[in-house]
């Protein structure tokens, strides 16, 4: 399949552009964020939950149960093949625990599945150059029925931070009530900071308030958490990806205000490499998550992943867009008759003009490629010197002399087709193709 992108001359009001930029800047400046100096770009890593869930029968599932062999094997592969791309956190989600606390009321790992102990496993993962993440739950039990941390916040922080020396804590909220959450999520974060150990703090606080029909106080969330879940768990299906992205589009004006270095909305895990997505849909999730600017946590069997899907997860250009230091949240800027466009403002910048990450999606099923043409006042990509436009997945690029009109011709498909572009600002009129040049890439 082919997609084509052409640049043509167009102009829109610079005053309008500046007004939009000032509004965005003002909204960001209103936010007071957690100041622990961590997660200044969206965290990247691996989480056990989506792929391995709560598989604890190691006799029946020796290669897929939650035990120290799985974690060590994953650490070996993550360190060797993914760490250099930025995936540095290995998070052990629910079901690592024994069914009861020990005689001193400490959380304890399941001794049969983790015979060397969690402290030893943390050291093993860290010896690979990775950072270790652990799961806890604010209620009396975890979502899977293991001991929660309610009434033991200080004790459990001491265990995680001072004894085991973990680097990341995910605190879920099953079986907890809003009045507990308003007190305990900030209190747990306070104890983490007071421990003296740098620990990234992941909260599920907004999601559980939403379940109760309550609007989250995102000012408080951003002041206390490095990242937070605000919608349903991702499932291994395209329908789940659509639901998550539709949620983000519907809430983007609110969520973007609280999204930035040190404090991130979390759209949940990457399911690339599992069973529910086609190859094109896998490309789509990666492109969307990168343009959204959300954390990237792989959850698949790294020992068995298809090499083509591994390439998607390691795509350098997509990751650069995700990890851009501006930390802007991407937005859906167009949606009509099966065509959607997402855009994220990124660096480099020249004068008042920015570069962008852009995703163009065609979910139509008719037989004719769809031409998508938008003026710069819709896309916000006007620059008098133009842009270097690069296809995220093929690497093909072309200089477009003026970003005022964005033209993409995207073929239809029975599932979906995505074309991801990185539009890099130009600071000179030299060496650009003329406006009749046609840019064609494989989608």
Protein backbone atom coordinates (compact mmCIF):
# COMPACT_ATOMS: atom_id res chain seq x y z
CA UNK A 1 0.00 0.00 0.00
CA UNK A 2 1.11 3.55 -0.67
CA UNK A 3 0.51 6.89 0.98
CA UNK A 4 1.44 10.22 -0.54
CA UNK A 5 2.17 13.56 1.08
CA UNK A 6 2.48 16.81 -0.80
CA UNK A 7 3.26 20.34 0.43
CA UNK A 8 1.60 23.41 -1.13
CA UNK A 9 1.79 27.11 -0.25
CA UNK A 10 -0.74 28.60 2.17
CA UNK A 11 -0.82 31.17 4.96
CA UNK A 12 -2.82 31.82 8.07
CA UNK A 13 -2.85 34.51 10.74
CA UNK A 14 0.35 34.69 12.76
CA UNK A 15 -1.65 36.56 15.41
CA UNK A 16 -4.01 33.57 15.67
CA UNK A 17 -1.03 31.20 15.94
CA UNK A 18 0.56 33.23 18.73
CA UNK A 19 -2.74 33.52 20.62
CA UNK A 20 -3.13 29.74 20.54
CA UNK A 21 0.44 29.26 21.73
CA UNK A 22 0.03 31.72 24.60
CA UNK A 23 -3.14 29.97 25.74
CA UNK A 24 -1.40 26.60 25.79
CA UNK A 25 1.56 28.04 27.70
CA UNK A 26 -0.73 29.70 30.24
CA UNK A 27 -2.57 26.45 30.91
CA UNK A 28 0.68 24.59 31.48
CA UNK A 29 2.03 27.25 33.82
CA UNK A 30 -1.04 26.88 36.06
CA UNK A 31 -0.07 23.34 37.03
CA UNK A 32 2.00 22.59 40.12
CA UNK A 33 3.56 19.16 39.72
CA UNK A 34 5.24 16.59 41.92
CA UNK A 35 8.76 17.90 42.40
CA UNK A 36 10.89 14.79 42.87
CA UNK A 37 12.99 15.41 39.76
CA UNK A 38 11.93 12.11 38.16
CA UNK A 39 10.09 11.07 34.98
CA UNK A 40 10.96 14.26 33.11
CA UNK A 41 10.06 12.40 29.93
CA UNK A 42 7.35 9.70 29.74
CA UNK A 43 8.67 6.59 31.53
CA UNK A 44 9.43 3.59 29.33
CA UNK A 45 9.76 -0.04 30.28
CA UNK A 46 7.98 -3.35 30.73
CA UNK A 47 4.99 -4.40 32.85
CA UNK A 48 3.92 -7.99 33.47
CA UNK A 49 0.17 -7.46 33.74
CA UNK A 50 -1.43 -7.36 30.29
CA UNK A 51 0.46 -10.34 28.89
CA UNK A 52 0.90 -12.53 31.98
CA UNK A 53 -1.91 -11.30 34.23
CA UNK A 54 -2.22 -13.31 37.46
CA UNK A 55 -0.84 -16.60 36.19
CA UNK A 56 0.47 -18.27 39.36
CA UNK A 57 0.28 -21.97 38.45
CA UNK A 58 3.88 -22.53 37.44
CA UNK A 59 3.44 -26.27 36.99
CA UNK A 60 0.76 -25.79 34.36
CA UNK A 61 2.34 -22.65 32.83
CA UNK A 62 6.08 -22.91 33.48
CA UNK A 63 7.02 -20.26 30.89
CA UNK A 64 4.25 -17.79 31.65
CA UNK A 65 3.68 -17.66 35.38
CA UNK A 66 4.61 -14.74 37.62
CA UNK A 67 7.85 -15.94 39.16
CA UNK A 68 11.49 -14.98 39.42
CA UNK A 69 12.46 -17.01 36.35
CA UNK A 70 10.09 -14.96 34.18
CA UNK A 71 11.36 -11.70 35.63
CA UNK A 72 15.02 -12.64 35.20
CA UNK A 73 14.44 -13.84 31.63
CA UNK A 74 12.59 -10.63 30.83
CA UNK A 75 15.34 -8.54 32.44
CA UNK A 76 17.98 -10.27 30.32
CA UNK A 77 16.12 -9.55 27.07
CA UNK A 78 15.03 -6.05 28.07
CA UNK A 79 18.60 -5.11 28.97
CA UNK A 80 20.10 -6.61 25.82
CA UNK A 81 17.61 -5.48 23.18
CA UNK A 82 15.44 -2.65 24.55
CA UNK A 83 17.34 -0.66 27.16
CA UNK A 84 19.31 1.34 24.61
CA UNK A 85 15.99 2.49 23.10
CA UNK A 86 14.86 3.83 26.49
CA UNK A 87 12.89 0.94 28.02
CA UNK A 88 14.49 0.89 31.46
CA UNK A 89 11.79 0.08 34.04
CA UNK A 90 10.79 -3.54 34.68
CA UNK A 91 7.57 -3.50 36.71
CA UNK A 92 6.25 -6.61 38.45
CA UNK A 93 2.50 -6.07 38.67
CA UNK A 94 -0.08 -7.85 40.84
CA UNK A 95 0.25 -11.46 42.07
CA UNK A 96 3.87 -11.47 43.28
CA UNK A 97 2.71 -11.59 46.89
CA UNK A 98 2.09 -14.37 49.36
CA UNK A 99 -1.52 -14.63 50.52
CA UNK A 100 -0.74 -13.21 53.97
CA UNK A 101 1.69 -10.76 55.55
CA UNK A 102 4.43 -12.25 57.71
CA UNK A 103 4.48 -12.32 61.52
CA UNK A 104 5.82 -8.75 61.59
CA UNK A 105 3.00 -7.59 59.31
CA UNK A 106 5.37 -7.03 56.40
CA UNK A 107 4.41 -7.76 52.82
CA UNK A 108 6.22 -10.86 51.64
CA UNK A 109 6.74 -12.45 48.24
CA UNK A 110 5.39 -15.90 47.40
CA UNK A 111 8.31 -18.06 48.54
CA UNK A 112 7.59 -20.87 46.11
CA UNK A 113 7.57 -18.61 43.05
CA UNK A 114 10.27 -16.24 44.30
CA UNK A 115 12.59 -18.56 46.27
CA UNK A 116 15.55 -16.15 46.20
CA UNK A 117 13.45 -13.35 47.67
CA UNK A 118 12.37 -10.03 46.22
CA UNK A 119 15.42 -8.15 47.46
CA UNK A 120 17.68 -10.50 45.51
CA UNK A 121 15.48 -10.17 42.41
CA UNK A 122 15.62 -6.37 42.61
CA UNK A 123 19.41 -6.52 42.68
CA UNK A 124 19.46 -8.87 39.69
CA UNK A 125 17.31 -6.55 37.60
CA UNK A 126 19.34 -3.51 38.60
CA UNK A 127 22.58 -5.33 37.78
CA UNK A 128 21.36 -5.40 34.18
CA UNK A 129 21.26 -1.60 34.06
CA UNK A 130 17.49 -1.59 34.51
CA UNK A 131 15.27 -0.08 37.19
CA UNK A 132 12.90 -2.23 39.23
CA UNK A 133 9.22 -1.49 39.72
CA UNK A 134 6.81 -3.10 42.18
CA UNK A 135 3.02 -3.16 42.49
CA UNK A 136 0.92 -2.35 45.53
CA UNK A 137 -2.75 -1.64 46.11
CA UNK A 138 -4.31 1.03 48.28
CA UNK A 139 -7.18 -1.15 49.51
CA UNK A 140 -7.09 -3.98 52.00
CA UNK A 141 -6.54 -6.42 49.13
CA UNK A 142 -5.02 -6.10 45.68
CA UNK A 143 -7.25 -6.41 42.64
CA UNK A 144 -6.35 -10.13 42.50
CA UNK A 145 -6.99 -10.72 46.21
CA UNK A 146 -3.49 -10.48 47.71
CA UNK A 147 -2.66 -8.25 50.71
CA UNK A 148 -3.07 -4.52 50.12
CA UNK A 149 -1.32 -1.68 51.90
CA UNK A 150 -4.26 -0.08 53.73
CA UNK A 151 -3.20 0.88 57.29
CA UNK A 152 0.42 -0.02 56.45
CA UNK A 153 1.55 2.82 54.19
CA UNK A 154 4.69 3.78 56.12
CA UNK A 155 5.69 0.18 56.75
CA UNK A 156 5.34 -0.75 53.09
CA UNK A 157 7.23 2.32 51.87
CA UNK A 158 10.06 1.37 54.22
CA UNK A 159 10.08 -2.13 52.73
CA UNK A 160 10.02 -0.94 49.11
CA UNK A 161 12.38 2.03 49.45
CA UNK A 162 14.79 1.29 52.28
CA UNK A 163 15.01 -2.50 52.32
CA UNK A 164 14.39 -3.61 48.74
CA UNK A 165 15.47 -0.29 47.16
CA UNK A 166 13.02 -0.32 44.27
CA UNK A 167 12.91 2.46 41.67
CA UNK A 168 9.21 2.58 40.73
CA UNK A 169 5.96 1.91 42.58
CA UNK A 170 2.59 1.40 40.93
CA UNK A 171 -0.19 1.94 43.47
CA UNK A 172 -3.55 0.55 42.36
CA UNK A 173 -6.89 1.37 43.99
CA UNK A 174 -9.09 -1.73 44.10
CA UNK A 175 -11.31 -2.06 47.19
CA UNK A 176 -10.62 1.52 48.29
CA UNK A 177 -13.04 4.41 48.74
CA UNK A 178 -12.66 8.01 47.55
CA UNK A 179 -12.21 9.40 51.08
CA UNK A 180 -9.34 6.95 51.61
CA UNK A 181 -7.85 7.79 48.22
CA UNK A 182 -7.83 11.55 48.87
CA UNK A 183 -5.75 10.97 52.00
CA UNK A 184 -3.68 7.89 51.22
CA UNK A 185 -2.46 8.55 47.67
CA UNK A 186 -0.78 11.83 48.75
CA UNK A 187 0.40 10.29 52.03
CA UNK A 188 2.04 7.35 50.29
CA UNK A 189 3.81 9.74 47.91
CA UNK A 190 4.98 11.84 50.87
CA UNK A 191 6.48 8.75 52.51
CA UNK A 192 8.21 7.82 49.25
CA UNK A 193 9.80 11.27 49.02
CA UNK A 194 10.83 11.19 52.68
CA UNK A 195 12.54 7.82 52.18
CA UNK A 196 15.41 9.55 50.42
CA UNK A 197 15.31 7.10 47.52
CA UNK A 198 14.34 8.38 44.04
CA UNK A 199 11.19 6.40 43.20
CA UNK A 200 8.80 7.09 40.33
CA UNK A 201 5.24 7.07 41.68
CA UNK A 202 2.44 5.72 39.47
CA UNK A 203 -1.13 6.25 40.71
CA UNK A 204 -4.50 4.89 39.66
CA UNK A 205 -6.29 7.58 41.67
CA UNK A 206 -8.21 9.37 38.86
CA UNK A 207 -9.53 6.13 37.40
CA UNK A 208 -11.10 4.96 40.65
CA UNK A 209 -12.70 8.33 41.26
CA UNK A 210 -14.18 8.11 37.77
CA UNK A 211 -15.57 4.66 38.56
CA UNK A 212 -17.48 6.28 41.44
CA UNK A 213 -18.76 9.03 39.14
CA UNK A 214 -16.52 11.67 40.73
CA UNK A 215 -14.43 14.21 38.83
CA UNK A 216 -10.72 13.89 39.69
CA UNK A 217 -8.90 16.88 41.11
CA UNK A 218 -6.04 16.78 38.63
CA UNK A 219 -4.23 19.60 40.40
CA UNK A 220 -3.89 17.35 43.46
CA UNK A 221 -3.07 14.32 41.32
CA UNK A 222 -0.26 16.12 39.47
CA UNK A 223 1.13 17.47 42.75
CA UNK A 224 1.44 13.95 44.18
CA UNK A 225 2.00 11.50 41.32
CA UNK A 226 4.48 11.15 38.45
CA UNK A 227 1.97 9.31 36.26
CA UNK A 228 -1.61 8.24 36.65
CA UNK A 229 -4.22 6.06 35.02
CA UNK A 230 -7.53 7.71 34.21
CA UNK A 231 -9.39 5.18 32.04
CA UNK A 232 -10.03 1.46 31.72
CA UNK A 233 -7.28 -1.16 31.58
CA UNK A 234 -6.07 -1.85 28.09
CA UNK A 235 -7.21 -5.24 26.76
CA UNK A 236 -5.68 -7.29 23.97
CA UNK A 237 -8.00 -5.96 21.27
CA UNK A 238 -8.30 -3.17 18.74
CA UNK A 239 -11.62 -2.16 20.29
CA UNK A 240 -9.77 -1.40 23.53
CA UNK A 241 -7.26 0.85 21.73
CA UNK A 242 -10.12 2.72 20.05
CA UNK A 243 -11.93 3.20 23.37
CA UNK A 244 -8.81 4.56 25.07
CA UNK A 245 -7.97 7.00 22.27
CA UNK A 246 -11.58 8.18 22.06
CA UNK A 247 -11.51 8.85 25.80
CA UNK A 248 -8.33 10.89 25.48
CA UNK A 249 -9.79 12.85 22.57
CA UNK A 250 -12.96 13.63 24.52
CA UNK A 251 -10.99 14.83 27.57
CA UNK A 252 -7.93 16.29 25.85
CA UNK A 253 -8.48 19.94 26.79
CA UNK A 254 -8.60 18.98 30.46
CA UNK A 255 -5.90 16.29 30.47
CA UNK A 256 -3.36 18.29 28.48
CA UNK A 257 -3.24 20.97 31.19
CA UNK A 258 -1.77 18.50 33.68
CA UNK A 259 0.51 16.63 31.31
CA UNK A 260 4.21 17.40 31.14
CA UNK A 261 7.69 16.73 32.56
CA UNK A 262 7.35 14.86 35.84
CA UNK A 263 3.57 14.35 35.60
CA UNK A 264 1.96 12.25 32.87
CA UNK A 265 -1.42 10.89 31.89
CA UNK A 266 -1.01 7.13 31.42
CA UNK A 267 -2.98 5.47 28.61
CA UNK A 268 -1.83 2.02 29.84
CA UNK A 269 0.41 -0.60 28.28
CA UNK A 270 1.54 -1.30 24.73
CA UNK A 271 -0.02 -4.57 23.58
CA UNK A 272 2.19 -4.82 20.49
CA UNK A 273 3.41 -8.41 20.21
CA UNK A 274 0.37 -10.11 21.70
CA UNK A 275 -2.61 -11.72 19.96
CA UNK A 276 -5.26 -9.04 19.46
CA UNK A 277 -3.75 -6.58 16.95
CA UNK A 278 -2.90 -6.92 13.29
CA UNK A 279 0.47 -5.64 12.12
CA UNK A 280 -1.07 -2.34 10.97
CA UNK A 281 -2.98 -1.97 14.22
CA UNK A 282 0.24 -2.55 16.17
CA UNK A 283 1.87 0.27 14.20
CA UNK A 284 -1.15 2.39 14.99
CA UNK A 285 -0.98 1.90 18.75
CA UNK A 286 2.74 2.70 18.81
CA UNK A 287 2.29 5.81 16.67
CA UNK A 288 -0.67 7.06 18.71
CA UNK A 289 0.98 6.44 22.09
CA UNK A 290 4.09 8.26 20.90
CA UNK A 291 2.17 11.27 19.58
CA UNK A 292 -0.02 11.32 22.70
CA UNK A 293 3.20 11.53 24.70
CA UNK A 294 2.15 8.91 27.26
CA UNK A 295 4.34 6.35 29.08
CA UNK A 296 5.48 3.39 26.98
CA UNK A 297 5.31 0.10 28.89
CA UNK A 298 5.58 -3.06 26.81
CA UNK A 299 3.57 -6.05 28.01
CA UNK A 300 4.29 -9.07 25.85
CA UNK A 301 6.44 -12.19 25.90
CA UNK A 302 9.77 -10.72 24.81
CA UNK A 303 11.20 -14.19 24.23
CA UNK A 304 8.61 -14.94 21.55
CA UNK A 305 7.84 -11.59 19.92
CA UNK A 306 7.75 -11.45 16.12
CA UNK A 307 10.80 -9.55 14.81
CA UNK A 308 8.58 -7.22 12.75
CA UNK A 309 6.63 -6.26 15.86
CA UNK A 310 9.84 -5.82 17.81
CA UNK A 311 10.92 -3.29 15.17
CA UNK A 312 7.77 -1.29 15.86
CA UNK A 313 8.57 -1.10 19.58
CA UNK A 314 12.15 -0.02 18.82
CA UNK A 315 11.26 2.61 16.21
CA UNK A 316 13.72 5.41 16.87
CA UNK A 317 11.76 8.26 15.31
CA UNK A 318 8.51 7.34 17.08
CA UNK A 319 10.32 7.14 20.42
CA UNK A 320 11.99 10.51 19.81
CA UNK A 321 8.55 12.04 19.34
CA UNK A 322 7.32 10.40 22.55
CA UNK A 323 10.39 11.45 24.55
CA UNK A 324 10.48 15.03 23.34
CA UNK A 325 11.58 17.22 26.29
CA UNK A 326 8.74 19.73 25.82
CA UNK A 327 6.46 17.04 27.19
CA UNK A 328 3.31 18.16 25.36
CA UNK A 329 0.33 15.84 25.12
CA UNK A 330 -0.76 15.13 21.57
CA UNK A 331 -4.30 16.04 20.55
CA UNK A 332 -6.82 14.80 18.04
CA UNK A 333 -7.27 17.80 15.78
CA UNK A 334 -9.47 16.28 13.07
CA UNK A 335 -12.05 13.49 12.92
CA UNK A 336 -14.46 13.06 10.03
CA UNK A 337 -15.83 10.09 8.06
CA UNK A 338 -13.19 7.60 9.18
CA UNK A 339 -10.22 9.97 8.90
CA UNK A 340 -8.53 11.17 12.09
CA UNK A 341 -5.42 13.27 12.60
CA UNK A 342 -3.41 13.60 15.82
CA UNK A 343 -0.68 16.17 16.36
CA UNK A 344 1.97 16.81 19.00
CA UNK A 345 4.18 19.89 19.28
CA UNK A 346 7.88 18.95 19.64
CA UNK A 347 11.39 20.32 19.31
CA UNK A 348 13.42 21.56 17.49
CA UNK A 349 12.01 25.07 17.40
CA UNK A 350 12.98 28.02 15.18
CA UNK A 351 11.81 31.45 16.30
CA UNK A 352 8.18 30.92 17.35
CA UNK A 353 7.70 27.88 15.08
CA UNK A 354 7.78 24.30 16.33
CA UNK A 355 8.25 20.85 14.86
CA UNK A 356 5.47 18.28 15.14
CA UNK A 357 4.65 14.62 15.35
CA UNK A 358 1.57 13.77 13.28
CA UNK A 359 -0.53 10.63 12.88
CA UNK A 360 -2.98 10.26 9.99
CA UNK A 361 -5.43 7.35 10.28
CA UNK A 362 -7.86 5.96 7.72
CA UNK A 363 -10.37 3.42 9.04
CA UNK A 364 -12.66 3.61 6.00
CA UNK A 365 -13.54 0.48 4.06
CA UNK A 366 -14.37 1.94 0.64
CA UNK A 367 -12.12 1.11 -2.28
CA UNK A 368 -10.57 4.49 -3.06
CA UNK A 369 -7.61 6.11 -1.30
CA UNK A 370 -8.72 9.10 0.73
CA UNK A 371 -7.08 12.47 0.13
CA UNK A 372 -6.68 14.51 3.31
CA UNK A 373 -5.97 18.23 2.84
CA UNK A 374 -5.84 20.74 5.68
CA UNK A 375 -4.69 24.36 5.85
CA UNK A 376 -2.16 25.43 8.43
CA UNK A 377 -4.70 27.10 10.71
CA UNK A 378 -6.19 23.64 11.32
CA UNK A 379 -2.94 21.73 11.74
CA UNK A 380 -1.01 24.63 13.23
CA UNK A 381 2.09 23.76 11.19
CA UNK A 382 2.72 26.99 9.30
CA UNK A 383 6.36 28.00 8.96
CA UNK A 384 7.65 30.29 6.19
CA UNK A 385 10.73 28.11 5.65
CA UNK A 386 8.80 24.83 5.57
CA UNK A 387 9.34 21.42 7.13
CA UNK A 388 11.31 18.25 6.64
CA UNK A 389 8.63 15.56 6.59
CA UNK A 390 9.76 12.07 7.55
CA UNK A 391 7.70 8.88 7.52
CA UNK A 392 8.08 7.30 10.95
CA UNK A 393 8.03 3.72 9.71
CA UNK A 394 9.94 3.87 6.42
CA UNK A 395 12.35 6.69 7.14
CA UNK A 396 11.67 8.29 3.75
CA UNK A 397 11.64 12.06 3.87
CA UNK A 398 11.17 15.18 1.80
CA UNK A 399 11.51 18.89 2.42
CA UNK A 400 8.20 20.69 2.08
CA UNK A 401 8.70 24.40 1.33
CA UNK A 402 5.73 25.66 3.31
CA UNK A 403 3.81 23.95 6.09
CA UNK A 404 0.66 25.88 5.36
CA UNK A 405 -1.12 22.98 3.64
CA UNK A 406 -0.74 19.37 4.66
CA UNK A 407 -1.79 16.86 2.02
CA UNK A 408 -1.86 13.13 2.67
CA UNK A 409 -3.31 10.45 0.41
CA UNK A 410 -3.96 7.39 2.57
CA UNK A 411 -5.35 4.10 1.22
CA UNK A 412 -8.32 2.41 2.91
CA UNK A 413 -8.29 -0.90 4.68
CA UNK A 414 -10.68 -3.30 6.34
CA UNK A 415 -8.95 -2.70 9.65
CA UNK A 416 -6.87 0.46 9.75
CA UNK A 417 -3.90 2.12 8.15
CA UNK A 418 -1.70 4.66 9.88
CA UNK A 419 0.86 7.01 8.48
CA UNK A 420 3.07 8.63 11.10
CA UNK A 421 5.14 11.68 10.22
CA UNK A 422 7.75 13.75 11.97
CA UNK A 423 7.66 17.35 10.72
CA UNK A 424 10.96 19.00 11.58
CA UNK A 425 11.25 22.77 11.38
CA UNK A 426 13.54 24.31 8.75
CA UNK A 427 15.44 27.52 9.43
CA UNK A 428 16.52 28.22 5.85
CA UNK A 429 14.92 28.41 2.41
CA UNK A 430 17.85 26.54 0.87
CA UNK A 431 17.72 23.02 -0.54
CA UNK A 432 14.00 22.46 -0.39
CA UNK A 433 11.94 20.76 -3.05
CA UNK A 434 9.47 22.87 -4.97
CA UNK A 435 5.80 22.85 -4.04
CA UNK A 436 4.88 20.45 -6.84
CA UNK A 437 7.06 17.68 -5.40
CA UNK A 438 5.13 14.54 -4.48
CA UNK A 439 6.21 12.59 -1.42
CA UNK A 440 5.31 8.89 -1.57
CA UNK A 441 5.95 6.33 1.15
CA UNK A 442 4.89 2.83 2.07
CA UNK A 443 2.26 2.93 4.79
